[in-house]
Amino acid sequence: MDTKEHTADTHDHEEDQKRNNSVYTEKADLYDFKAGAIEAENAEHNMTVLGAVRAYPWASFWAFVMSCCIIMESYDVFLIGNFVALPAFVEKFGVINPATGLKVIAFKWQSSLQVSGQLGALVGVFLAGPLTSRIGYRYATITGLMLLNCFIFIFFFAQSMPVIFAAQIMEGIPWGIFIANAPAYCSEIVPIQLRAPATQMLQMFWAIGSIIVGGVTYATEGVSSSSAYRIPIALQWMFPTPLAILMFLAPESPWWLVRKGKFEQAAKSVKRLGSGTDPTETVAMMRRVIELEKNDKEPNHLELFKGTDLYRTLIVCGVYAAQNLTGNLIANQAVYFFTQAGLDGHTAFALGLITSALQWVFVMLSWILTTYYGRRAIYLWGSAVNTILLFALGIAGAVSKKGAHSGNLAQAALGLIISVGFTLGPAPASWVIIGETSAIRLRPLTTGTGRAVYYIVEFPCIFLASYMLNPTGGDLGGKCGFVWGATGLCCLITAYFFLPEMKGRSYREIDILFKRKVPARQWKKTVIDVNDDE
């Protein structure tokens, strides 16, 4: 045999052997990778809630920090709602109501101010998805916090309604980043058992923002100078810089790092979050889920409306939209609602503060309910009770004579119960559903799009709510309960047929259930084998 031929045969044999070894190694790696993933998933399933807290104390802390960002949107939303009833603000920016001879904020500006921040946030949520997918949750959030520091200056020094309107739009852009990123980040850094309380903290901090506003405006309600509204505006500077420092120190979401192929950094991030499982096995679990969703393309908004991702997107969008259609706007305009129900300004501000404090307590109670009884159950039962109360408010408004003290008290009491009850059932459960439903790969885009739908639905609802309550508009008072009761009933029926139960499900199981197109009401009964990969 020719020496050259012998050499060529030997070379081919070596190449075949290398190729076979490579395939063998790849298969062995895949086996080990799946074995570790199963171990990590089983470990999370077997944890109790208290065990998860003990194993992941830092994950709970960093979810707490991220949730604090929601205070700023909540603070400003309730601040604008309270300003329309604040005497010094009304005196500076109001117009004479011909019917009473007293100054009020004109209907067009009342509505415009309520929607201005949301207009900016609508821009922010669409920026948040691509920005976060590229630079991560931490740096996207820090960018928003620094921008907010700058935009508060414009609001503080504003001397006219158009400037206030513009300032609110600009402040809204970073809000959109926070509100899109927070539920996604919180749901990604904690184990299964802590997903409900971690994401529901967002609703708690929404209540905290309203408590701070309620306390500040209650204290300044009697001040006749511009300090009555400038002090509450200036207090917004308390939040961005400290939060930016903390977010710089926070670990990046390990799920985001695994999506980027940064497995070592993801393992370090897992180690910083807690010691419940082996970091390598946890990263293997994340890789397994991401392999199920594998796509070589960069995530884009079009994918949200294809295949099973369309159903997931519709759930997130529907739950977000329902917040505006089931009484949330009564909660956001509680002080103004109380004044229009016939209570004096001082009592209205006191009741607004009490409402915010009770909301905070009820959100914490909802942690227990949602963790142990499930998301779907609490959402449906809470929405049903809320709808009944809204119709009761409408009836109280219809039968009460204009100016009757007992009728005013009945409407105010029902308004308070609706505002508080909303934070026990549908509102906090919504955040858990939003954080769990989307595919890991598309999560920043899905939460951003869902929040965008929230704002799009909110715009007409704000104008409608302001028109119904404003004395220069519909002046309906409690009769607005009929309108919100009807929309709430539609949301309840839709949720009953299409909202699945995701309590206790890993992200792998959620992916598989969506791919199998299991009907929403059958999710709780469906068993997914730990070895299944689809």
Protein backbone atom coordinates (compact mmCIF):
# COMPACT_ATOMS: atom_id res chain seq x y z
CA MET A 1 0.00 0.00 0.00
CA ASP A 2 1.23 3.45 -0.82
CA THR A 3 2.58 5.34 2.18
CA LYS A 4 0.45 8.39 1.27
CA GLU A 5 -2.72 6.31 1.13
CA HIS A 6 -1.90 4.71 4.47
CA THR A 7 -1.35 8.16 6.02
CA ALA A 8 -4.65 9.43 4.57
CA ASP A 9 -6.55 6.41 5.94
CA THR A 10 -4.98 6.90 9.34
CA HIS A 11 -5.93 10.60 9.27
CA ASP A 12 -9.55 9.80 8.30
CA HIS A 13 -9.75 7.22 11.08
CA GLU A 14 -8.51 9.77 13.64
CA GLU A 15 -11.02 12.34 12.41
CA ASP A 16 -13.87 9.81 12.71
CA GLN A 17 -12.75 8.92 16.20
CA LYS A 18 -12.62 12.60 17.22
CA ARG A 19 -16.08 13.15 15.77
CA ASN A 20 -17.44 10.11 17.62
CA ASN A 21 -15.80 11.28 20.84
CA SER A 22 -17.27 14.75 20.32
CA VAL A 23 -20.78 13.32 19.85
CA TYR A 24 -20.32 11.08 22.88
CA THR A 25 -19.10 14.00 25.01
CA GLU A 26 -21.99 16.17 23.84
CA LYS A 27 -24.50 13.45 24.73
CA ALA A 28 -22.86 12.89 28.12
CA ASP A 29 -22.88 16.63 28.76
CA LEU A 30 -26.55 16.78 27.81
CA TYR A 31 -27.28 13.89 30.18
CA ASP A 32 -25.43 15.56 33.08
CA PHE A 33 -27.02 18.90 32.26
CA LYS A 34 -30.54 17.40 32.36
CA ALA A 35 -29.80 15.39 35.52
CA GLY A 36 -28.67 18.55 37.31
CA ALA A 37 -31.71 20.44 36.01
CA ILE A 38 -34.07 17.76 37.39
CA GLU A 39 -32.32 17.85 40.78
CA ALA A 40 -32.67 21.65 41.01
CA GLU A 41 -36.32 21.62 39.94
CA ASN A 42 -37.19 18.87 42.44
CA ALA A 43 -35.40 20.78 45.19
CA GLU A 44 -37.50 23.89 44.48
CA HIS A 45 -40.73 21.87 44.39
CA ASN A 46 -39.91 20.28 47.76
CA MET A 47 -39.22 23.58 49.52
CA THR A 48 -41.76 25.10 51.88
CA VAL A 49 -42.41 28.84 51.81
CA LEU A 50 -40.48 29.43 55.05
CA GLY A 51 -37.74 27.09 53.87
CA ALA A 52 -37.44 29.10 50.65
CA VAL A 53 -37.17 32.34 52.64
CA ARG A 54 -34.39 30.85 54.78
CA ALA A 55 -32.57 29.45 51.73
CA TYR A 56 -32.93 32.62 49.61
CA PRO A 57 -32.83 35.62 51.99
CA TRP A 58 -30.86 37.77 49.55
CA ALA A 59 -33.21 36.97 46.68
CA SER A 60 -36.07 38.25 48.86
CA PHE A 61 -34.06 41.38 49.69
CA TRP A 62 -33.21 42.22 46.08
CA ALA A 63 -36.83 41.64 45.02
CA PHE A 64 -37.73 44.10 47.79
CA VAL A 65 -35.26 46.66 46.39
CA MET A 66 -36.55 46.34 42.82
CA SER A 67 -40.15 46.63 44.06
CA CYS A 68 -39.26 49.95 45.73
CA CYS A 69 -39.00 51.48 42.24
CA ILE A 70 -42.79 51.16 41.95
CA ILE A 71 -43.18 53.66 44.81
CA MET A 72 -42.28 56.47 42.42
CA GLU A 73 -45.02 55.81 39.88
CA SER A 74 -47.54 55.19 42.66
CA TYR A 75 -46.44 58.35 44.48
CA ASP A 76 -46.88 60.56 41.45
CA VAL A 77 -50.17 58.99 40.30
CA PHE A 78 -51.75 59.53 43.73
CA LEU A 79 -50.08 62.94 44.06
CA ILE A 80 -51.77 64.22 40.90
CA GLY A 81 -55.04 62.65 42.07
CA ASN A 82 -54.73 64.50 45.40
CA PHE A 83 -53.60 67.79 43.85
CA VAL A 84 -56.98 68.28 42.15
CA ALA A 85 -58.48 68.42 45.67
CA LEU A 86 -55.60 70.37 47.33
CA PRO A 87 -56.76 73.97 48.07
CA ALA A 88 -53.41 75.68 47.34
CA PHE A 89 -53.00 73.83 44.02
CA VAL A 90 -56.60 74.59 43.02
CA GLU A 91 -56.12 78.24 43.94
CA LYS A 92 -52.99 78.50 41.77
CA PHE A 93 -54.11 76.49 38.74
CA GLY A 94 -57.93 76.33 39.00
CA VAL A 95 -60.75 78.15 37.19
CA ILE A 96 -64.05 79.51 38.53
CA ASN A 97 -66.97 77.08 38.39
CA PRO A 98 -69.94 79.26 37.24
CA ALA A 99 -72.44 77.06 39.10
CA THR A 100 -70.82 77.55 42.54
CA GLY A 101 -68.50 80.53 42.13
CA LEU A 102 -65.65 78.42 43.56
CA LYS A 103 -62.37 77.48 41.89
CA VAL A 104 -61.89 73.96 40.53
CA ILE A 105 -59.32 72.30 38.28
CA ALA A 106 -60.84 72.41 34.79
CA PHE A 107 -62.08 69.05 33.57
CA LYS A 108 -59.72 69.04 30.57
CA TRP A 109 -56.66 69.59 32.76
CA GLN A 110 -57.82 67.19 35.46
CA SER A 111 -58.08 64.43 32.87
CA SER A 112 -54.91 65.48 31.05
CA LEU A 113 -52.81 65.42 34.22
CA GLN A 114 -54.14 61.97 35.12
CA VAL A 115 -53.07 60.58 31.73
CA SER A 116 -49.83 62.58 31.21
CA GLY A 117 -47.56 60.29 33.23
CA GLN A 118 -49.12 57.27 31.57
CA LEU A 119 -48.39 58.73 28.12
CA GLY A 120 -44.71 58.86 29.03
CA ALA A 121 -44.87 55.41 30.62
CA LEU A 122 -46.34 54.04 27.40
CA VAL A 123 -43.14 55.14 25.66
CA GLY A 124 -41.07 53.75 28.55
CA VAL A 125 -42.54 50.25 28.46
CA PHE A 126 -41.79 49.91 24.75
CA LEU A 127 -38.22 51.07 25.38
CA ALA A 128 -37.86 48.74 28.37
CA GLY A 129 -38.13 45.45 26.46
CA PRO A 130 -35.35 45.97 23.89
CA LEU A 131 -33.22 47.92 26.41
CA THR A 132 -33.44 45.20 29.06
CA SER A 133 -32.90 42.39 26.57
CA ARG A 134 -29.67 44.13 25.53
CA ILE A 135 -28.14 45.50 28.78
CA GLY A 136 -29.98 43.62 31.54
CA TYR A 137 -32.45 44.50 34.27
CA ARG A 138 -29.95 46.29 36.53
CA TYR A 139 -28.55 48.80 34.07
CA ALA A 140 -31.93 49.45 32.43
CA THR A 141 -33.38 50.28 35.86
CA ILE A 142 -30.41 52.47 36.84
CA THR A 143 -30.80 54.40 33.57
CA GLY A 144 -34.46 55.07 34.40
CA LEU A 145 -33.64 56.21 37.95
CA MET A 146 -31.06 58.74 36.76
CA LEU A 147 -33.46 60.13 34.13
CA LEU A 148 -36.16 60.51 36.78
CA ASN A 149 -33.82 62.62 38.94
CA CYS A 150 -33.56 65.10 36.07
CA PHE A 151 -37.26 65.22 35.15
CA ILE A 152 -38.41 65.98 38.70
CA PHE A 153 -36.71 69.41 38.36
CA ILE A 154 -39.13 70.38 35.58
CA PHE A 155 -42.17 69.40 37.67
CA PHE A 156 -40.88 71.25 40.75
CA PHE A 157 -40.31 74.58 38.95
CA ALA A 158 -43.42 74.44 36.73
CA GLN A 159 -45.60 77.57 36.76
CA SER A 160 -48.36 76.51 34.38
CA MET A 161 -50.51 73.52 33.53
CA PRO A 162 -48.84 72.87 30.13
CA VAL A 163 -45.40 72.66 31.78
CA ILE A 164 -46.73 70.32 34.50
CA PHE A 165 -48.28 68.20 31.74
CA ALA A 166 -44.93 68.01 29.87
CA ALA A 167 -43.01 67.22 33.07
CA GLN A 168 -45.38 64.37 33.85
CA ILE A 169 -44.92 62.89 30.38
CA MET A 170 -41.14 62.92 30.84
CA GLU A 171 -41.34 61.42 34.34
CA GLY A 172 -43.52 58.68 32.90
CA ILE A 173 -40.75 57.34 30.63
CA PRO A 174 -38.66 55.91 33.52
CA TRP A 175 -41.85 54.68 35.24
CA GLY A 176 -42.48 52.56 32.17
CA ILE A 177 -39.04 50.98 32.52
CA PHE A 178 -39.62 50.22 36.22
CA ILE A 179 -43.10 48.79 35.79
CA ALA A 180 -42.04 46.58 32.88
CA ASN A 181 -38.89 45.27 34.56
CA ALA A 182 -39.96 44.86 38.19
CA PRO A 183 -42.40 41.91 37.91
CA ALA A 184 -40.07 40.10 35.49
CA TYR A 185 -36.95 40.57 37.64
CA CYS A 186 -38.73 39.64 40.90
CA SER A 187 -40.19 36.46 39.43
CA GLU A 188 -36.82 35.41 37.96
CA ILE A 189 -34.58 35.74 41.03
CA VAL A 190 -36.68 33.75 43.53
CA PRO A 191 -37.63 30.02 43.72
CA ILE A 192 -41.13 28.75 42.88
CA GLN A 193 -42.50 29.09 46.42
CA LEU A 194 -41.57 32.78 46.66
CA ARG A 195 -42.81 33.97 43.27
CA ALA A 196 -46.19 35.06 44.66
CA PRO A 197 -44.95 37.18 47.61
CA ALA A 198 -41.99 38.55 45.61
CA THR A 199 -44.16 39.87 42.78
CA GLN A 200 -47.00 40.92 45.10
CA MET A 201 -44.57 43.25 46.85
CA LEU A 202 -45.12 45.48 43.83
CA GLN A 203 -48.72 46.07 44.93
CA MET A 204 -47.55 46.64 48.50
CA PHE A 205 -45.15 49.35 47.36
CA TRP A 206 -47.89 50.84 45.22
CA ALA A 207 -49.84 51.17 48.49
CA ILE A 208 -46.78 52.59 50.29
CA GLY A 209 -46.47 55.29 47.63
CA SER A 210 -50.08 56.26 48.22
CA ILE A 211 -49.57 56.25 52.02
CA ILE A 212 -46.64 58.67 51.71
CA VAL A 213 -48.67 60.93 49.42
CA GLY A 214 -51.68 60.71 51.72
CA GLY A 215 -49.61 61.67 54.76
CA VAL A 216 -47.82 64.55 53.04
CA THR A 217 -50.93 66.06 51.42
CA TYR A 218 -52.91 65.60 54.64
CA ALA A 219 -50.21 67.57 56.48
CA THR A 220 -50.03 70.32 53.82
CA GLU A 221 -53.77 70.51 53.07
CA GLY A 222 -54.16 73.54 55.34
CA VAL A 223 -51.12 75.42 53.92
CA SER A 224 -52.17 78.25 51.63
CA SER A 225 -48.77 78.93 49.98
CA SER A 226 -47.16 77.07 47.06
CA SER A 227 -45.27 74.95 49.61
CA ALA A 228 -48.45 72.86 49.91
CA TYR A 229 -47.71 71.27 46.54
CA ARG A 230 -43.99 71.96 46.12
CA ILE A 231 -42.99 69.97 49.23
CA PRO A 232 -44.74 66.78 48.00
CA ILE A 233 -43.09 67.23 44.58
CA ALA A 234 -39.62 67.69 46.11
CA LEU A 235 -40.00 64.53 48.21
CA GLN A 236 -39.78 62.51 44.99
CA TRP A 237 -36.00 63.08 45.11
CA MET A 238 -35.82 60.79 48.16
CA PHE A 239 -35.98 57.67 46.02
CA PRO A 240 -33.95 57.57 42.76
CA THR A 241 -30.31 57.97 43.91
CA PRO A 242 -30.37 55.49 46.86
CA LEU A 243 -32.21 52.97 44.70
CA ALA A 244 -29.71 53.41 41.85
CA ILE A 245 -26.83 52.64 44.24
CA LEU A 246 -28.60 49.53 45.54
CA MET A 247 -29.44 48.33 42.01
CA PHE A 248 -25.77 48.74 41.04
CA LEU A 249 -24.89 46.38 43.91
CA ALA A 250 -27.71 43.93 43.08
CA PRO A 251 -27.05 40.69 41.16
CA GLU A 252 -28.31 40.48 37.59
CA SER A 253 -31.13 38.03 36.92
CA PRO A 254 -29.47 34.62 36.38
CA TRP A 255 -32.15 33.82 33.79
CA TRP A 256 -31.07 36.85 31.74
CA LEU A 257 -27.41 35.79 32.04
CA VAL A 258 -28.21 32.23 30.91
CA ARG A 259 -30.15 33.62 27.94
CA LYS A 260 -26.95 35.48 27.01
CA GLY A 261 -24.84 32.31 27.40
CA LYS A 262 -23.00 33.70 30.48
CA PHE A 263 -23.25 30.51 32.55
CA GLU A 264 -20.40 31.26 34.98
CA GLN A 265 -21.81 34.68 35.81
CA ALA A 266 -25.27 33.12 36.17
CA ALA A 267 -23.89 30.61 38.71
CA LYS A 268 -22.27 33.45 40.67
CA SER A 269 -25.57 35.36 40.61
CA VAL A 270 -27.46 32.28 41.89
CA LYS A 271 -24.90 31.91 44.69
CA ARG A 272 -25.44 35.54 45.71
CA LEU A 273 -29.21 35.05 45.78
CA GLY A 274 -29.23 32.06 48.16
CA SER A 275 -28.06 28.58 49.04
CA GLY A 276 -31.18 26.50 48.44
CA THR A 277 -29.67 24.47 45.59
CA ASP A 278 -26.31 23.85 43.95
CA PRO A 279 -25.70 26.90 41.68
CA THR A 280 -24.49 24.65 38.85
CA GLU A 281 -27.68 22.58 39.02
CA THR A 282 -29.84 25.72 39.15
CA VAL A 283 -28.12 27.07 36.04
CA ALA A 284 -28.67 23.67 34.38
CA MET A 285 -32.40 23.97 35.19
CA MET A 286 -32.46 27.41 33.57
CA ARG A 287 -30.59 26.12 30.51
CA ARG A 288 -33.11 23.30 30.17
CA VAL A 289 -36.04 25.75 30.05
CA ILE A 290 -34.26 28.09 27.65
CA GLU A 291 -33.42 25.12 25.39
CA LEU A 292 -37.19 24.44 25.18
CA GLU A 293 -37.71 28.01 23.96
CA LYS A 294 -34.54 28.02 21.82
CA ASN A 295 -34.48 30.49 18.96
CA ASP A 296 -31.36 31.86 17.27
CA LYS A 297 -33.01 35.21 16.55
CA GLU A 298 -32.99 38.21 18.86
CA PRO A 299 -36.36 38.47 20.69
CA ASN A 300 -38.77 40.83 18.91
CA HIS A 301 -42.32 42.07 19.45
CA LEU A 302 -43.72 40.12 16.48
CA GLU A 303 -42.99 36.83 18.27
CA LEU A 304 -45.43 37.80 21.02
CA PHE A 305 -48.30 37.33 18.58
CA LYS A 306 -47.34 33.95 17.11
CA GLY A 307 -48.26 30.41 18.20
CA THR A 308 -48.72 29.73 21.91
CA ASP A 309 -46.93 32.98 22.76
CA LEU A 310 -50.03 34.80 21.50
CA TYR A 311 -52.15 33.17 24.23
CA ARG A 312 -49.55 34.06 26.86
CA THR A 313 -49.39 37.65 25.62
CA LEU A 314 -53.20 37.94 25.68
CA ILE A 315 -53.32 36.72 29.30
CA VAL A 316 -50.75 39.31 30.41
CA CYS A 317 -52.47 42.09 28.42
CA GLY A 318 -55.93 41.05 29.66
CA VAL A 319 -54.91 40.98 33.33
CA TYR A 320 -53.24 44.39 32.98
CA ALA A 321 -56.25 45.90 31.18
CA ALA A 322 -58.67 44.49 33.78
CA GLN A 323 -56.97 46.55 36.51
CA ASN A 324 -58.48 49.68 34.92
CA LEU A 325 -61.88 48.09 34.34
CA THR A 326 -62.56 46.70 37.82
CA GLY A 327 -62.47 49.70 40.15
CA ASN A 328 -58.76 50.56 40.20
CA LEU A 329 -59.50 54.16 39.16
CA ILE A 330 -61.76 54.64 42.20
CA ALA A 331 -58.76 53.60 44.32
CA ASN A 332 -56.41 55.96 42.46
CA GLN A 333 -58.82 58.90 42.84
CA ALA A 334 -60.06 57.99 46.32
CA VAL A 335 -59.67 61.49 47.85
CA TYR A 336 -61.41 63.16 44.93
CA PHE A 337 -64.16 60.50 45.04
CA PHE A 338 -64.72 61.21 48.74
CA THR A 339 -64.98 64.98 48.14
CA GLN A 340 -67.49 64.42 45.32
CA ALA A 341 -69.44 62.08 47.61
CA GLY A 342 -70.06 65.13 49.79
CA LEU A 343 -67.38 64.87 52.50
CA ASP A 344 -65.38 67.94 53.53
CA GLY A 345 -61.78 68.23 52.33
CA HIS A 346 -60.14 67.43 55.68
CA THR A 347 -62.23 64.27 56.16
CA ALA A 348 -61.64 63.24 52.54
CA PHE A 349 -57.85 63.47 52.92
CA ALA A 350 -58.00 61.56 56.23
CA LEU A 351 -60.09 58.82 54.62
CA GLY A 352 -57.67 58.70 51.69
CA LEU A 353 -54.80 58.11 54.12
CA ILE A 354 -56.77 55.40 55.96
CA THR A 355 -57.58 53.73 52.63
CA SER A 356 -53.89 53.63 51.65
CA ALA A 357 -52.87 52.19 55.03
CA LEU A 358 -55.54 49.47 54.82
CA GLN A 359 -54.43 48.64 51.26
CA TRP A 360 -50.91 48.04 52.53
CA VAL A 361 -52.17 45.64 55.22
CA PHE A 362 -54.47 43.80 52.79
CA VAL A 363 -51.69 43.31 50.25
CA MET A 364 -49.67 41.48 52.91
CA LEU A 365 -52.70 39.29 53.66
CA SER A 366 -52.95 38.51 49.96
CA TRP A 367 -49.44 36.96 50.08
CA ILE A 368 -50.86 34.15 52.22
CA LEU A 369 -53.99 33.70 50.12
CA THR A 370 -52.24 33.63 46.74
CA THR A 371 -49.37 31.43 47.96
CA TYR A 372 -51.61 28.75 49.47
CA TYR A 373 -54.85 29.00 47.48
CA GLY A 374 -53.52 29.84 44.03
CA ARG A 375 -53.58 32.74 41.60
CA ARG A 376 -56.68 31.82 39.58
CA ALA A 377 -58.86 31.15 42.64
CA ILE A 378 -58.00 34.41 44.41
CA TYR A 379 -58.26 36.43 41.20
CA LEU A 380 -61.71 35.05 40.33
CA TRP A 381 -63.21 35.25 43.83
CA GLY A 382 -61.72 38.71 44.43
CA SER A 383 -63.05 39.97 41.09
CA ALA A 384 -66.51 38.54 41.82
CA VAL A 385 -66.75 40.28 45.22
CA ASN A 386 -65.37 43.50 43.70
CA THR A 387 -68.03 43.44 40.92
CA ILE A 388 -70.85 42.98 43.46
CA LEU A 389 -69.56 45.92 45.54
CA LEU A 390 -69.34 48.14 42.44
CA PHE A 391 -72.99 47.48 41.62
CA ALA A 392 -73.85 48.15 45.29
CA LEU A 393 -72.05 51.52 44.99
CA GLY A 394 -74.09 52.32 41.89
CA ILE A 395 -77.33 51.49 43.72
CA ALA A 396 -76.30 53.65 46.72
CA GLY A 397 -75.56 56.55 44.37
CA ALA A 398 -78.88 56.11 42.56
CA VAL A 399 -81.11 55.99 45.66
CA SER A 400 -79.31 58.71 47.64
CA LYS A 401 -80.68 62.21 47.47
CA LYS A 402 -78.21 64.91 46.44
CA GLY A 403 -76.49 66.24 49.57
CA ALA A 404 -78.07 63.68 51.96
CA HIS A 405 -75.57 62.96 54.71
CA SER A 406 -76.43 59.26 55.15
CA GLY A 407 -76.28 58.67 51.38
CA ASN A 408 -72.89 60.42 51.18
CA LEU A 409 -71.53 58.27 54.00
CA ALA A 410 -72.81 55.08 52.35
CA GLN A 411 -71.12 55.97 49.05
CA ALA A 412 -67.89 56.95 50.81
CA ALA A 413 -67.90 53.69 52.81
CA LEU A 414 -68.45 51.57 49.71
CA GLY A 415 -65.75 53.52 47.84
CA LEU A 416 -63.33 52.80 50.68
CA ILE A 417 -64.23 49.07 50.77
CA ILE A 418 -63.81 48.75 46.98
CA SER A 419 -60.44 50.55 47.08
CA VAL A 420 -59.20 48.29 49.89
CA GLY A 421 -60.80 45.04 48.66
CA PHE A 422 -59.20 45.51 45.25
CA THR A 423 -55.77 45.11 46.91
CA LEU A 424 -56.73 41.83 48.60
CA GLY A 425 -57.79 39.88 45.50
CA PRO A 426 -57.42 40.91 41.84
CA ALA A 427 -54.67 43.53 42.13
CA PRO A 428 -51.88 41.54 43.87
CA ALA A 429 -52.82 38.29 42.10
CA SER A 430 -52.40 40.17 38.79
CA TRP A 431 -48.71 40.83 39.46
CA VAL A 432 -48.02 37.13 40.10
CA ILE A 433 -49.85 36.12 36.90
CA ILE A 434 -47.97 38.75 34.89
CA GLY A 435 -44.60 37.56 36.24
CA GLU A 436 -45.26 33.86 35.60
CA THR A 437 -47.13 33.74 32.30
CA SER A 438 -44.66 34.89 29.66
CA ALA A 439 -41.91 32.76 28.10
CA ILE A 440 -38.52 33.39 29.72
CA ARG A 441 -36.95 34.45 26.43
CA LEU A 442 -39.68 37.00 25.69
CA ARG A 443 -40.36 38.11 29.26
CA PRO A 444 -39.07 41.73 29.08
CA LEU A 445 -41.03 42.27 25.86
CA THR A 446 -44.21 40.61 27.16
CA THR A 447 -44.37 42.53 30.44
CA GLY A 448 -43.64 45.76 28.56
CA THR A 449 -46.37 45.11 25.99
CA GLY A 450 -48.85 44.13 28.70
CA ARG A 451 -48.20 47.34 30.59
CA ALA A 452 -48.57 49.28 27.34
CA VAL A 453 -52.07 47.80 26.97
CA TYR A 454 -52.73 48.85 30.58
CA TYR A 455 -51.97 52.48 29.67
CA ILE A 456 -53.88 52.36 26.38
CA VAL A 457 -56.99 51.13 28.22
CA GLU A 458 -56.37 53.55 31.07
CA PHE A 459 -56.41 56.70 28.89
CA PRO A 460 -60.12 56.58 27.97
CA CYS A 461 -60.97 55.20 31.42
CA ILE A 462 -59.32 58.19 33.12
CA PHE A 463 -61.27 60.65 30.99
CA LEU A 464 -64.45 58.69 31.67
CA ALA A 465 -63.77 58.48 35.42
CA SER A 466 -62.96 62.20 35.62
CA TYR A 467 -66.04 63.08 33.59
CA MET A 468 -68.31 60.91 35.76
CA LEU A 469 -67.05 62.45 39.03
CA ASN A 470 -66.37 66.08 38.01
CA PRO A 471 -69.18 68.55 38.87
CA THR A 472 -68.59 70.28 35.51
CA GLY A 473 -68.91 66.87 33.79
CA GLY A 474 -71.37 64.05 34.47
CA ASP A 475 -71.49 64.59 38.26
CA LEU A 476 -72.56 60.96 38.76
CA GLY A 477 -70.92 60.34 42.14
CA GLY A 478 -71.56 56.77 43.30
CA LYS A 479 -73.60 55.94 40.18
CA CYS A 480 -70.26 55.40 38.40
CA GLY A 481 -70.35 51.99 40.14
CA PHE A 482 -72.80 50.77 37.48
CA VAL A 483 -70.26 51.49 34.72
CA TRP A 484 -67.29 49.85 36.48
CA GLY A 485 -69.48 46.97 37.67
CA ALA A 486 -70.46 46.16 34.07
CA THR A 487 -66.86 46.23 32.79
CA GLY A 488 -65.73 44.25 35.84
CA LEU A 489 -68.30 41.54 35.10
CA CYS A 490 -66.99 41.19 31.53
CA CYS A 491 -63.42 40.80 32.88
CA LEU A 492 -64.56 38.19 35.41
CA ILE A 493 -66.28 36.03 32.78
CA THR A 494 -63.26 36.22 30.45
CA ALA A 495 -60.86 35.26 33.27
CA TYR A 496 -63.02 32.27 34.23
CA PHE A 497 -62.62 30.70 30.78
CA PHE A 498 -59.05 31.71 29.88
CA LEU A 499 -56.95 32.25 33.04
CA PRO A 500 -54.93 29.13 34.04
CA GLU A 501 -53.67 28.22 37.53
CA MET A 502 -49.87 28.44 37.68
CA LYS A 503 -49.39 27.92 41.42
CA GLY A 504 -46.48 25.55 42.17
CA ARG A 505 -45.49 25.20 38.51
CA SER A 506 -41.88 25.52 37.36
CA TYR A 507 -41.23 27.58 34.24
CA ARG A 508 -40.56 24.30 32.37
CA GLU A 509 -43.99 22.97 33.33
CA ILE A 510 -45.67 26.25 32.36
CA ASP A 511 -43.96 26.13 28.93
CA ILE A 512 -45.12 22.54 28.37
CA LEU A 513 -48.72 23.22 29.46
CA PHE A 514 -48.97 26.11 27.02
CA LYS A 515 -47.43 24.05 24.22
CA ARG A 516 -49.89 21.21 24.86
CA LYS A 517 -52.73 23.75 24.72
CA VAL A 518 -54.26 22.43 27.95
CA PRO A 519 -57.56 24.29 28.67
CA ALA A 520 -57.22 26.89 31.45
CA ARG A 521 -59.63 25.10 33.82
CA GLN A 522 -57.66 21.80 33.47
CA TRP A 523 -54.21 23.11 34.42
CA LYS A 524 -54.56 22.27 38.11
CA LYS A 525 -55.38 18.61 37.34
CA THR A 526 -52.72 18.07 34.65
CA VAL A 527 -49.58 16.16 35.70
CA ILE A 528 -46.27 16.93 33.98
CA ASP A 529 -43.50 14.34 34.34
CA VAL A 530 -40.17 15.67 35.58
CA ASN A 531 -38.44 14.09 32.55
CA ASP A 532 -40.71 15.71 29.94
CA ASP A 533 -39.04 18.07 27.45
CA GLU A 534 -41.22 19.54 24.71
